[in-house]
C-alpha atoms as a PDB file:
ATOM      1  CA  MET A   1      75.518 133.509 108.637  1.00  0.00           C
ATOM      2  CA  THR A   2      79.346 134.345 108.062  1.00  0.00           C
ATOM      3  CA  GLN A   3      79.770 135.469 111.354  1.00  0.00           C
ATOM      4  CA  SER A   4      78.625 132.714 113.289  1.00  0.00           C
ATOM      5  CA  PHE A   5      80.906 130.132 111.314  1.00  0.00           C
ATOM      6  CA  GLU A   6      83.659 132.276 111.062  1.00  0.00           C
ATOM      7  CA  SER A   7      84.316 132.105 115.250  1.00  0.00           C
ATOM      8  CA  ARG A   8      84.269 128.427 115.848  1.00  0.00           C
ATOM      9  CA  THR A   9      84.882 126.529 111.901  1.00  0.00           C
ATOM     10  CA  LEU A  10      88.681 124.802 111.704  1.00  0.00           C
ATOM     11  CA  LEU A  11      90.063 123.970 108.493  1.00  0.00           C
ATOM     12  CA  ARG A  12      91.769 120.919 108.289  1.00  0.00           C
ATOM     13  CA  ASP A  13      93.856 120.510 105.071  1.00  0.00           C
ATOM     14  CA  VAL A  14      93.750 116.720 103.718  1.00  0.00           C
ATOM     15  CA  THR A  15      95.694 117.398 100.495  1.00  0.00           C
ATOM     16  CA  LEU A  16      98.468 115.678 101.606  1.00  0.00           C
ATOM     17  CA  ARG A  17      96.626 112.435 102.389  1.00  0.00           C
ATOM     18  CA  ASP A  18      93.115 112.133 100.969  1.00  0.00           C
ATOM     19  CA  GLY A  19      94.096 114.561  98.120  1.00  0.00           C
ATOM     20  CA  LEU A  20      96.978 112.489  96.939  1.00  0.00           C
ATOM     21  CA  GLN A  21      95.987 109.084  96.903  1.00  0.00           C
ATOM     22  CA  LEU A  22      94.437 109.072  93.266  1.00  0.00           C
ATOM     23  CA  THR A  23      97.355 110.577  91.858  1.00  0.00           C
ATOM     24  CA  GLY A  24      99.503 109.008  89.806  1.00  0.00           C
ATOM     25  CA  LYS A  25     102.298 111.022  90.864  1.00  0.00           C
ATOM     26  CA  MET A  26     104.528 110.686  94.111  1.00  0.00           C
ATOM     27  CA  LEU A  27     105.487 114.011  95.731  1.00  0.00           C
ATOM     28  CA  PRO A  28     109.276 113.582  97.043  1.00  0.00           C
ATOM     29  CA  THR A  29     109.477 114.448 100.754  1.00  0.00           C
ATOM     30  CA  ALA A  30     111.227 117.740 100.502  1.00  0.00           C
ATOM     31  CA  ARG A  31     107.818 118.991  98.200  1.00  0.00           C
ATOM     32  CA  LYS A  32     105.568 117.973 100.728  1.00  0.00           C
ATOM     33  CA  LEU A  33     107.157 118.994 103.562  1.00  0.00           C
ATOM     34  CA  GLU A  34     107.540 122.675 101.640  1.00  0.00           C
ATOM     35  CA  ILE A  35     103.424 122.124 100.793  1.00  0.00           C
ATOM     36  CA  ALA A  36     103.060 121.295 104.842  1.00  0.00           C
ATOM     37  CA  ARG A  37     104.471 124.692 106.296  1.00  0.00           C
ATOM     38  CA  ARG A  38     103.418 126.561 103.581  1.00  0.00           C
ATOM     39  CA  LEU A  39      99.899 125.917 104.849  1.00  0.00           C
ATOM     40  CA  LEU A  40     100.804 126.446 108.111  1.00  0.00           C
ATOM     41  CA  GLU A  41     102.551 129.630 107.352  1.00  0.00           C
ATOM     42  CA  LEU A  42      99.680 130.893 106.011  1.00  0.00           C
ATOM     43  CA  GLY A  43      96.978 130.319 108.872  1.00  0.00           C
ATOM     44  CA  VAL A  44      95.694 126.599 108.107  1.00  0.00           C
ATOM     45  CA  PRO A  45      95.028 125.139 111.823  1.00  0.00           C
ATOM     46  CA  ALA A  46      95.017 121.958 110.838  1.00  0.00           C
ATOM     47  CA  LEU A  47      96.718 119.420 108.615  1.00  0.00           C
ATOM     48  CA  GLU A  48      96.019 115.614 107.705  1.00  0.00           C
ATOM     49  CA  ILE A  49      99.887 114.698 106.147  1.00  0.00           C
ATOM     50  CA  GLY A  50      99.870 111.277 105.315  1.00  0.00           C
ATOM     51  CA  SER A  51      99.278 107.323 105.789  1.00  0.00           C
ATOM     52  CA  MET A  52     100.104 104.350 107.056  1.00  0.00           C
ATOM     53  CA  ALA A  53      98.373 102.448 104.260  1.00  0.00           C
ATOM     54  CA  ARG A  54     100.149 100.043 102.335  1.00  0.00           C
ATOM     55  CA  PRO A  55     102.654 101.623 100.256  1.00  0.00           C
ATOM     56  CA  ASP A  56     102.150  98.877  97.749  1.00  0.00           C
ATOM     57  CA  LEU A  57      98.418  99.451  97.802  1.00  0.00           C
ATOM     58  CA  VAL A  58      98.576 103.457  98.117  1.00  0.00           C
ATOM     59  CA  PRO A  59     101.812 104.382  96.542  1.00  0.00           C
ATOM     60  CA  PRO A  60     101.731 108.603  97.021  1.00  0.00           C
ATOM     61  CA  MET A  61     101.538 107.879 100.868  1.00  0.00           C
ATOM     62  CA  ALA A  62     105.124 105.544 100.660  1.00  0.00           C
ATOM     63  CA  ASN A  63     107.133 108.254 102.005  1.00  0.00           C
ATOM     64  CA  THR A  64     104.791 109.226 105.017  1.00  0.00           C
ATOM     65  CA  VAL A  65     107.034 107.973 108.082  1.00  0.00           C
ATOM     66  CA  GLU A  66     109.836 110.293 106.789  1.00  0.00           C
ATOM     67  CA  VAL A  67     107.417 113.706 106.334  1.00  0.00           C
ATOM     68  CA  ILE A  68     106.419 112.947 110.091  1.00  0.00           C
ATOM     69  CA  SER A  69     110.177 112.661 111.384  1.00  0.00           C
ATOM     70  CA  GLU A  70     111.307 115.939 109.117  1.00  0.00           C
ATOM     71  CA  LEU A  71     108.413 118.115 111.030  1.00  0.00           C
ATOM     72  CA  THR A  72     108.971 119.756 114.247  1.00  0.00           C
ATOM     73  CA  PRO A  73     107.205 118.552 117.425  1.00  0.00           C
ATOM     74  CA  GLU A  74     105.565 122.215 117.208  1.00  0.00           C
ATOM     75  CA  GLU A  75     104.160 121.795 113.412  1.00  0.00           C
ATOM     76  CA  LEU A  76     102.945 117.951 114.436  1.00  0.00           C
ATOM     77  CA  ASP A  77     100.815 119.909 116.956  1.00  0.00           C
ATOM     78  CA  HIS A  78      98.936 120.814 113.969  1.00  0.00           C
ATOM     79  CA  CYS A  79      99.165 117.440 112.140  1.00  0.00           C
ATOM     80  CA  TRP A  80      96.757 113.852 111.714  1.00  0.00           C
ATOM     81  CA  VAL A  81      97.948 110.961 110.274  1.00  0.00           C
ATOM     82  CA  TRP A  82      95.563 108.212 109.142  1.00  0.00           C
ATOM     83  CA  VAL A  83      95.899 105.193 110.288  1.00  0.00           C
ATOM     84  CA  ALA A  84      93.507 102.086 110.752  1.00  0.00           C
ATOM     85  CA  THR A  85      95.660  99.564 112.662  1.00  0.00           C
ATOM     86  CA  PRO A  86      97.124  99.554 116.109  1.00  0.00           C
ATOM     87  CA  ARG A  87     100.531  98.803 114.673  1.00  0.00           C
ATOM     88  CA  HIS A  88     100.031 101.830 112.132  1.00  0.00           C
ATOM     89  CA  VAL A  89      99.344 104.014 115.303  1.00  0.00           C
ATOM     90  CA  GLU A  90     102.843 102.622 116.946  1.00  0.00           C
ATOM     91  CA  LYS A  91     104.695 103.139 113.758  1.00  0.00           C
ATOM     92  CA  ALA A  92     103.746 107.012 113.383  1.00  0.00           C
ATOM     93  CA  ALA A  93     103.935 107.304 117.170  1.00  0.00           C
ATOM     94  CA  ALA A  94     107.450 106.220 116.740  1.00  0.00           C
ATOM     95  CA  ALA A  95     108.306 108.888 113.954  1.00  0.00           C
ATOM     96  CA  GLY A  96     106.727 111.250 115.918  1.00  0.00           C
ATOM     97  CA  ALA A  97     103.017 112.015 115.296  1.00  0.00           C
ATOM     98  CA  ARG A  98     100.612 112.594 118.225  1.00  0.00           C
ATOM     99  CA  HIS A  99      97.305 113.071 116.547  1.00  0.00           C
ATOM    100  CA  PHE A 100      95.683 109.943 114.525  1.00  0.00           C
ATOM    101  CA  GLN A 101      92.623 109.303 112.478  1.00  0.00           C
ATOM    102  CA  TYR A 102      91.698 105.844 113.177  1.00  0.00           C
ATOM    103  CA  CYS A 103      89.599 105.163 110.026  1.00  0.00           C
ATOM    104  CA  PHE A 104      87.154 102.169 109.131  1.00  0.00           C
ATOM    105  CA  SER A 105      83.946 101.900 107.438  1.00  0.00           C
ATOM    106  CA  ALA A 106      80.121 101.765 108.617  1.00  0.00           C
ATOM    107  CA  SER A 107      79.514  99.193 105.191  1.00  0.00           C
ATOM    108  CA  ASP A 108      81.274  96.239 105.856  1.00  0.00           C
ATOM    109  CA  SER A 109      81.938  95.454 102.390  1.00  0.00           C
ATOM    110  CA  HIS A 110      83.793  98.926 101.618  1.00  0.00           C
ATOM    111  CA  ASN A 111      85.889  98.205 104.898  1.00  0.00           C
ATOM    112  CA  GLN A 112      87.040  95.001 103.484  1.00  0.00           C
ATOM    113  CA  ALA A 113      87.836  96.212 100.277  1.00  0.00           C
ATOM    114  CA  ASN A 114      89.672  99.199 102.008  1.00  0.00           C
ATOM    115  CA  ILE A 115      91.365  97.734 105.051  1.00  0.00           C
ATOM    116  CA  GLY A 116      90.772  93.921 104.178  1.00  0.00           C
ATOM    117  CA  ARG A 117      88.435  93.366 107.786  1.00  0.00           C
ATOM    118  CA  SER A 118      84.993  93.874 108.650  1.00  0.00           C
ATOM    119  CA  THR A 119      83.646  96.708 110.286  1.00  0.00           C
ATOM    120  CA  ASP A 120      83.606  94.970 113.698  1.00  0.00           C
ATOM    121  CA  ASP A 121      87.157  93.446 113.301  1.00  0.00           C
ATOM    122  CA  SER A 122      88.048  97.257 113.240  1.00  0.00           C
ATOM    123  CA  LEU A 123      85.906  98.524 116.374  1.00  0.00           C
ATOM    124  CA  ALA A 124      88.126  95.280 117.942  1.00  0.00           C
ATOM    125  CA  ALA A 125      91.034  96.639 117.587  1.00  0.00           C
ATOM    126  CA  MET A 126      90.240 100.492 118.354  1.00  0.00           C
ATOM    127  CA  PRO A 127      91.118 100.192 121.841  1.00  0.00           C
ATOM    128  CA  ALA A 128      94.999  99.190 121.448  1.00  0.00           C
ATOM    129  CA  ALA A 129      94.990 101.921 119.151  1.00  0.00           C
ATOM    130  CA  ILE A 130      93.492 104.537 121.838  1.00  0.00           C
ATOM    131  CA  GLU A 131      95.873 102.774 124.188  1.00  0.00           C
ATOM    132  CA  LEU A 132      98.799 103.460 122.213  1.00  0.00           C
ATOM    133  CA  ALA A 133      98.323 107.270 121.568  1.00  0.00           C
ATOM    134  CA  GLN A 134      97.699 108.316 124.848  1.00  0.00           C
ATOM    135  CA  GLN A 135     101.133 106.191 125.948  1.00  0.00           C
ATOM    136  CA  VAL A 136     102.469 108.770 123.792  1.00  0.00           C
ATOM    137  CA  GLY A 137     100.761 111.697 125.191  1.00  0.00           C
ATOM    138  CA  GLY A 138      98.585 112.161 121.622  1.00  0.00           C
ATOM    139  CA  SER A 139      95.267 111.900 120.752  1.00  0.00           C
ATOM    140  CA  ILE A 140      92.844 110.034 118.222  1.00  0.00           C
ATOM    141  CA  GLN A 141      89.871 110.224 115.989  1.00  0.00           C
ATOM    142  CA  LEU A 142      86.829 107.883 115.100  1.00  0.00           C
ATOM    143  CA  CYS A 143      87.047 107.876 111.684  1.00  0.00           C
ATOM    144  CA  ILE A 144      84.011 106.509 110.259  1.00  0.00           C
ATOM    145  CA  ALA A 145      83.864 106.183 106.571  1.00  0.00           C
ATOM    146  CA  THR A 146      80.735 105.438 104.088  1.00  0.00           C
ATOM    147  CA  SER A 147      78.742 107.690 106.618  1.00  0.00           C
ATOM    148  CA  PHE A 148      75.959 107.826 104.181  1.00  0.00           C
ATOM    149  CA  THR A 149      76.358 105.778 101.351  1.00  0.00           C
ATOM    150  CA  CYS A 150      78.579 102.720 100.081  1.00  0.00           C
ATOM    151  CA  PRO A 151      79.769 101.892  96.503  1.00  0.00           C
ATOM    152  CA  PHE A 152      78.895  98.284  97.127  1.00  0.00           C
ATOM    153  CA  GLU A 153      75.572  98.175  99.556  1.00  0.00           C
ATOM    154  CA  GLY A 154      74.212 101.304  98.864  1.00  0.00           C
ATOM    155  CA  ARG A 155      72.682 103.771 101.650  1.00  0.00           C
ATOM    156  CA  VAL A 156      73.886 103.314 104.988  1.00  0.00           C
ATOM    157  CA  PRO A 157      71.251 103.757 107.685  1.00  0.00           C
ATOM    158  CA  GLU A 158      72.162 106.698 110.038  1.00  0.00           C
ATOM    159  CA  GLN A 159      71.197 104.538 112.957  1.00  0.00           C
ATOM    160  CA  ARG A 160      74.385 102.608 112.025  1.00  0.00           C
ATOM    161  CA  VAL A 161      76.996 105.176 112.286  1.00  0.00           C
ATOM    162  CA  ILE A 162      74.846 106.072 115.730  1.00  0.00           C
ATOM    163  CA  ASP A 163      75.797 102.766 116.884  1.00  0.00           C
ATOM    164  CA  ILE A 164      79.147 102.740 116.101  1.00  0.00           C
ATOM    165  CA  ALA A 165      79.882 106.342 117.354  1.00  0.00           C
ATOM    166  CA  ASN A 166      78.383 104.693 120.946  1.00  0.00           C
ATOM    167  CA  ASP A 167      80.182 101.838 120.631  1.00  0.00           C
ATOM    168  CA  PRO A 168      82.469 101.428 123.823  1.00  0.00           C
ATOM    169  CA  ARG A 169      85.335 100.178 122.262  1.00  0.00           C
ATOM    170  CA  ALA A 170      85.536 103.915 120.592  1.00  0.00           C
ATOM    171  CA  HIS A 171      85.080 106.042 123.114  1.00  0.00           C
ATOM    172  CA  GLY A 172      88.447 106.795 123.838  1.00  0.00           C
ATOM    173  CA  ALA A 173      88.871 109.073 120.743  1.00  0.00           C
ATOM    174  CA  VAL A 174      88.878 112.516 120.975  1.00  0.00           C
ATOM    175  CA  ASP A 175      86.623 113.260 117.939  1.00  0.00           C
ATOM    176  CA  VAL A 176      84.019 112.011 115.595  1.00  0.00           C
ATOM    177  CA  VAL A 177      84.985 111.901 111.847  1.00  0.00           C
ATOM    178  CA  VAL A 178      81.501 111.656 109.914  1.00  0.00           C
ATOM    179  CA  CYS A 179      82.694 111.040 105.841  1.00  0.00           C
ATOM    180  CA  ASP A 180      80.498 111.207 102.977  1.00  0.00           C
ATOM    181  CA  THR A 181      83.112 109.142 101.196  1.00  0.00           C
ATOM    182  CA  LEU A 182      81.392 109.039  98.330  1.00  0.00           C
ATOM    183  CA  GLY A 183      80.030 112.964  97.764  1.00  0.00           C
ATOM    184  CA  GLN A 184      76.697 111.930  97.428  1.00  0.00           C
ATOM    185  CA  ALA A 185      74.769 113.194 100.709  1.00  0.00           C
ATOM    186  CA  VAL A 186      72.965 116.094 100.416  1.00  0.00           C
ATOM    187  CA  PRO A 187      72.640 118.947 102.767  1.00  0.00           C
ATOM    188  CA  ALA A 188      69.815 117.878 104.508  1.00  0.00           C
ATOM    189  CA  GLU A 189      70.950 114.398 105.271  1.00  0.00           C
ATOM    190  CA  VAL A 190      74.290 115.907 106.677  1.00  0.00           C
ATOM    191  CA  TYR A 191      72.381 117.941 109.010  1.00  0.00           C
ATOM    192  CA  SER A 192      70.309 115.028 110.468  1.00  0.00           C
ATOM    193  CA  LEU A 193      73.008 113.067 111.251  1.00  0.00           C
ATOM    194  CA  VAL A 194      75.877 114.979 112.564  1.00  0.00           C
ATOM    195  CA  SER A 195      72.855 116.270 114.570  1.00  0.00           C
ATOM    196  CA  ARG A 196      72.744 112.963 115.888  1.00  0.00           C
ATOM    197  CA  VAL A 197      76.137 112.379 116.140  1.00  0.00           C
ATOM    198  CA  ARG A 198      75.742 115.639 118.506  1.00  0.00           C
ATOM    199  CA  LEU A 199      73.227 114.619 120.705  1.00  0.00           C
ATOM    200  CA  GLU A 200      72.922 111.192 120.999  1.00  0.00           C
ATOM    201  CA  THR A 201      76.608 109.713 121.218  1.00  0.00           C
ATOM    202  CA  PRO A 202      79.428 110.801 123.917  1.00  0.00           C
ATOM    203  CA  GLN A 203      80.637 114.369 123.541  1.00  0.00           C
ATOM    204  CA  ARG A 204      83.399 115.064 121.080  1.00  0.00           C
ATOM    205  CA  GLY A 205      84.265 117.164 118.784  1.00  0.00           C
ATOM    206  CA  ILE A 206      82.615 116.511 115.358  1.00  0.00           C
ATOM    207  CA  VAL A 207      84.401 116.891 111.956  1.00  0.00           C
ATOM    208  CA  PHE A 208      83.070 116.428 108.448  1.00  0.00           C
ATOM    209  CA  HIS A 209      85.014 115.111 105.955  1.00  0.00           C
ATOM    210  CA  GLY A 210      83.075 115.638 102.446  1.00  0.00           C
ATOM    211  CA  HIS A 211      83.334 115.331  98.722  1.00  0.00           C
ATOM    212  CA  ASP A 212      82.199 117.575  95.884  1.00  0.00           C
ATOM    213  CA  THR A 213      80.869 114.646  93.336  1.00  0.00           C
ATOM    214  CA  TRP A 214      77.574 115.987  93.363  1.00  0.00           C
ATOM    215  CA  GLY A 215      78.497 119.228  93.477  1.00  0.00           C
ATOM    216  CA  LEU A 216      77.649 119.869  97.331  1.00  0.00           C
ATOM    217  CA  GLY A 217      80.655 119.813  98.935  1.00  0.00           C
ATOM    218  CA  VAL A 218      80.662 122.723 100.245  1.00  0.00           C
ATOM    219  CA  ALA A 219      76.846 123.262 100.976  1.00  0.00           C
ATOM    220  CA  ASN A 220      76.952 119.725 102.927  1.00  0.00           C
ATOM    221  CA  SER A 221      80.130 121.024 104.834  1.00  0.00           C
ATOM    222  CA  LEU A 222      78.004 124.244 105.854  1.00  0.00           C
ATOM    223  CA  ALA A 223      74.997 121.718 106.808  1.00  0.00           C
ATOM    224  CA  ALA A 224      77.249 119.891 108.979  1.00  0.00           C
ATOM    225  CA  VAL A 225      78.386 123.196 110.731  1.00  0.00           C
ATOM    226  CA  ALA A 226      75.384 124.422 111.219  1.00  0.00           C
ATOM    227  CA  ALA A 227      74.358 120.822 112.863  1.00  0.00           C
ATOM    228  CA  GLY A 228      77.223 121.361 114.830  1.00  0.00           C
ATOM    229  CA  ALA A 229      80.740 120.103 113.409  1.00  0.00           C
ATOM    230  CA  MET A 230      83.726 122.304 114.516  1.00  0.00           C
ATOM    231  CA  THR A 231      86.034 121.591 111.650  1.00  0.00           C
ATOM    232  CA  VAL A 232      85.474 120.616 108.075  1.00  0.00           C
ATOM    233  CA  ASP A 233      87.749 118.584 105.448  1.00  0.00           C
ATOM    234  CA  GLY A 234      89.183 119.593 102.342  1.00  0.00           C
ATOM    235  CA  ALA A 235      92.248 119.889  99.746  1.00  0.00           C
ATOM    236  CA  LEU A 236      93.984 121.941  97.608  1.00  0.00           C
ATOM    237  CA  GLY A 237      91.730 122.263  94.346  1.00  0.00           C
ATOM    238  CA  GLY A 238      89.387 119.446  95.057  1.00  0.00           C
ATOM    239  CA  LEU A 239      91.859 117.260  94.899  1.00  0.00           C
ATOM    240  CA  GLY A 240      91.541 113.566  95.907  1.00  0.00           C
ATOM    241  CA  GLY A 241      89.336 110.317  96.231  1.00  0.00           C
ATOM    242  CA  CYS A 242      88.975 106.866  97.553  1.00  0.00           C
ATOM    243  CA  PRO A 243      91.124 104.414  95.490  1.00  0.00           C
ATOM    244  CA  PHE A 244      88.910 101.246  97.046  1.00  0.00           C
ATOM    245  CA  ALA A 245      85.134 103.369  96.437  1.00  0.00           C
ATOM    246  CA  PRO A 246      84.559 103.501  92.601  1.00  0.00           C
ATOM    247  CA  GLY A 247      82.324 106.556  91.695  1.00  0.00           C
ATOM    248  CA  ALA A 248      84.178 109.111  94.277  1.00  0.00           C
ATOM    249  CA  SER A 249      85.514 111.792  93.120  1.00  0.00           C
ATOM    250  CA  GLY A 250      87.726 114.853  94.370  1.00  0.00           C
ATOM    251  CA  ASN A 251      87.456 116.477  98.234  1.00  0.00           C
ATOM    252  CA  THR A 252      85.440 119.448  98.549  1.00  0.00           C
ATOM    253  CA  ALA A 253      88.295 122.261  97.561  1.00  0.00           C
ATOM    254  CA  SER A 254      89.740 124.076 100.708  1.00  0.00           C
ATOM    255  CA  GLU A 255      89.477 127.516  98.792  1.00  0.00           C
ATOM    256  CA  ASP A 256      85.849 126.766  98.603  1.00  0.00           C
ATOM    257  CA  LEU A 257      85.493 126.101 102.111  1.00  0.00           C
ATOM    258  CA  LEU A 258      87.569 128.888 102.774  1.00  0.00           C
ATOM    259  CA  PHE A 259      86.127 131.425 100.993  1.00  0.00           C
ATOM    260  CA  ALA A 260      82.628 130.258 102.250  1.00  0.00           C
ATOM    261  CA  THR A 261      83.624 130.280 105.882  1.00  0.00           C
ATOM    262  CA  ARG A 262      85.906 133.575 105.922  1.00  0.00           C
ATOM    263  CA  PRO A 263      87.861 132.528 109.381  1.00  0.00           C
ATOM    264  CA  ASN A 264      89.089 135.436 110.754  1.00  0.00           C
ATOM    265  CA  TRP A 265      92.890 134.543 109.783  1.00  0.00           C
ATOM    266  CA  LEU A 266      92.275 135.049 106.129  1.00  0.00           C
ATOM    267  CA  ASN A 267      92.147 137.669 103.869  1.00  0.00           C
ATOM    268  CA  PRO A 268      92.445 138.624  99.990  1.00  0.00           C
ATOM    269  CA  THR A 269      96.453 138.672 100.318  1.00  0.00           C
ATOM    270  CA  VAL A 270      96.286 135.087 102.339  1.00  0.00           C
ATOM    271  CA  PHE A 271      93.584 133.708  99.994  1.00  0.00           C
ATOM    272  CA  GLY A 272      96.064 135.001  97.004  1.00  0.00           C
ATOM    273  CA  SER A 273      98.760 132.872  98.126  1.00  0.00           C
ATOM    274  CA  LEU A 274      96.882 129.800  98.999  1.00  0.00           C
ATOM    275  CA  VAL A 275      95.447 130.042  95.415  1.00  0.00           C
ATOM    276  CA  GLU A 276      98.780 130.330  93.888  1.00  0.00           C
ATOM    277  CA  LEU A 277      99.950 127.328  96.057  1.00  0.00           C
ATOM    278  CA  SER A 278      97.046 125.007  94.958  1.00  0.00           C
ATOM    279  CA  GLU A 279      97.865 126.011  91.242  1.00  0.00           C
ATOM    280  CA  LYS A 280     101.184 125.280  91.365  1.00  0.00           C
ATOM    281  CA  THR A 281     100.730 121.567  93.439  1.00  0.00           C
ATOM    282  CA  LEU A 282      98.448 120.460  91.047  1.00  0.00           C
ATOM    283  CA  ALA A 283     100.392 122.039  87.788  1.00  0.00           C
ATOM    284  CA  GLU A 284     102.960 119.536  89.368  1.00  0.00           C
ATOM    285  CA  LEU A 285     100.786 116.687  89.533  1.00  0.00           C
ATOM    286  CA  GLY A 286      99.019 116.974  86.072  1.00  0.00           C
ATOM    287  CA  GLU A 287      95.351 117.142  87.713  1.00  0.00           C
ATOM    288  CA  ALA A 288      92.916 119.540  86.852  1.00  0.00           C
ATOM    289  CA  ASN A 289      91.929 122.414  89.550  1.00  0.00           C
ATOM    290  CA  ARG A 290      88.099 122.013  90.615  1.00  0.00           C
ATOM    291  CA  SER A 291      88.062 124.700  92.752  1.00  0.00           C
ATOM    292  CA  LYS A 292      85.485 127.621  91.863  1.00  0.00           C
ATOM    293  CA  ALA A 293      86.908 129.681  94.506  1.00  0.00           C
ATOM    294  CA  VAL A 294      90.398 129.506  92.129  1.00  0.00           C
ATOM    295  CA  GLN A 295      88.200 130.371  89.088  1.00  0.00           C
ATOM    296  CA  GLY A 296      86.415 133.260  90.602  1.00  0.00           C
ATOM    297  CA  ALA A 297      90.144 134.389  92.074  1.00  0.00           C
ATOM    298  CA  ARG A 298      91.287 134.427  88.425  1.00  0.00           C
ATOM    299  CA  SER A 299      88.598 136.393  86.955  1.00  0.00           C
ATOM    300  CA  ASN A 300      88.414 139.960  85.440  1.00  0.00           C
ATOM    301  CA  ALA A 301      85.907 141.127  88.231  1.00  0.00           C
ATOM    302  CA  THR A 302      88.916 143.389  89.484  1.00  0.00           C
ATOM    303  CA  ALA A 303      86.586 145.725  91.422  1.00  0.00           C
ATOM    304  CA  PHE A 304      86.067 142.648  93.759  1.00  0.00           C
ATOM    305  CA  GLU A 305      89.018 142.482  96.663  1.00  0.00           C
ATOM    306  CA  TRP A 306      89.142 138.616  96.490  1.00  0.00           C
ATOM    307  CA  VAL A 307      90.299 138.340  92.807  1.00  0.00           C
ATOM    308  CA  VAL A 308      93.765 137.533  92.707  1.00  0.00           C
ATOM    309  CA  GLY A 309      93.807 137.942  88.728  1.00  0.00           C
ATOM    310  CA  GLY A 310      93.686 136.469  85.659  1.00  0.00           C
ATOM    311  CA  GLY A 311      96.439 134.726  83.790  1.00  0.00           C
ATOM    312  CA  ARG A 312      99.228 135.359  86.819  1.00  0.00           C
END
C-alpha cells in the first residue's frame, strides 16, 4: 500500500493558516517565514501560508500580507492563501500570491457564521475571484467546507457537495478541496464522497482536508487517496481548528500523514527534523503536540530507524 501512495500523494502543510487560527498567540512575520522556509527546505511540497480573513475576527492571520510579500516568487509557487471574496484575491495577489483557496461552506448556516453570507452568495462571487486569479497567471481552488457535517445543521448530503462542485460558476477552479471540517466523517464516507467528486464533476485535482477530532484523520486521508485525492492537508502536531465551528478540533498531524504515506523525499533524518520543528513551534505557542508519530519518534524503541530519541 505504501508504494501506491508514495508516487502520487502530496502533503500540503496548513500549519500557518488553519493550524494557527485558534491559537492564543500570533507568530511574528519573521517566525512564520522561518517555518515556511524550513518546511520547504525539508521537502514539504505545498504550504498554506495564511488567510485574508478579517484580523479582528482571526487575529493570528493579521500579518498574512506581510508574509506573502516577503516570500520569493519561487517560494510562493508552493504556497496557497485562503480567500473568501474577490477582494481577498485582489489583496493577496497585489502582495505576490498566485495560488488561492476560495473557501465557503456546503451548509448555509456555517457559511453565515464563517463568512457572513449564504453559500449561493459565495458561489455567485466566485467567477470574479477566478478572473482575478487568472489575470495574474495564478490558480484557484474550490474549497468546500463542511462537506460531511455542519455544527448547526448536522449531516450534509453528498449530493449537496456534488451540486456545488458541478456549479458552472466554479468551473474555473483547478482543484476541489473536500473538507471534513469537524472531523466527524469515517473512511467509508470519505471514500464515497471523494469517489463521486472524481467521477461526477469536471476533471480537476482533488484535495482532502481532514481533522482528527474522532481519531480518524489519517484513516480518512488514506481513504481519500484511495478514492482519487492527490493531496491531503495536515498541520504540525495536529494544531488547529475552525473558530466558527463548535466541536472542531485540530487538523490531522502532518507528521502522522507523512509517516503513513512515506513520500520519496522523506527519510528518518528529514522526519527527525520535522519532529523537532513541530515540537519547537507548538512549544512557542503553548499548544499540546497531538501527533502520534511524534510520540512514537520520542519512544525508547531505539532499534527502529524512525525513532528520533526521547528527551532530545
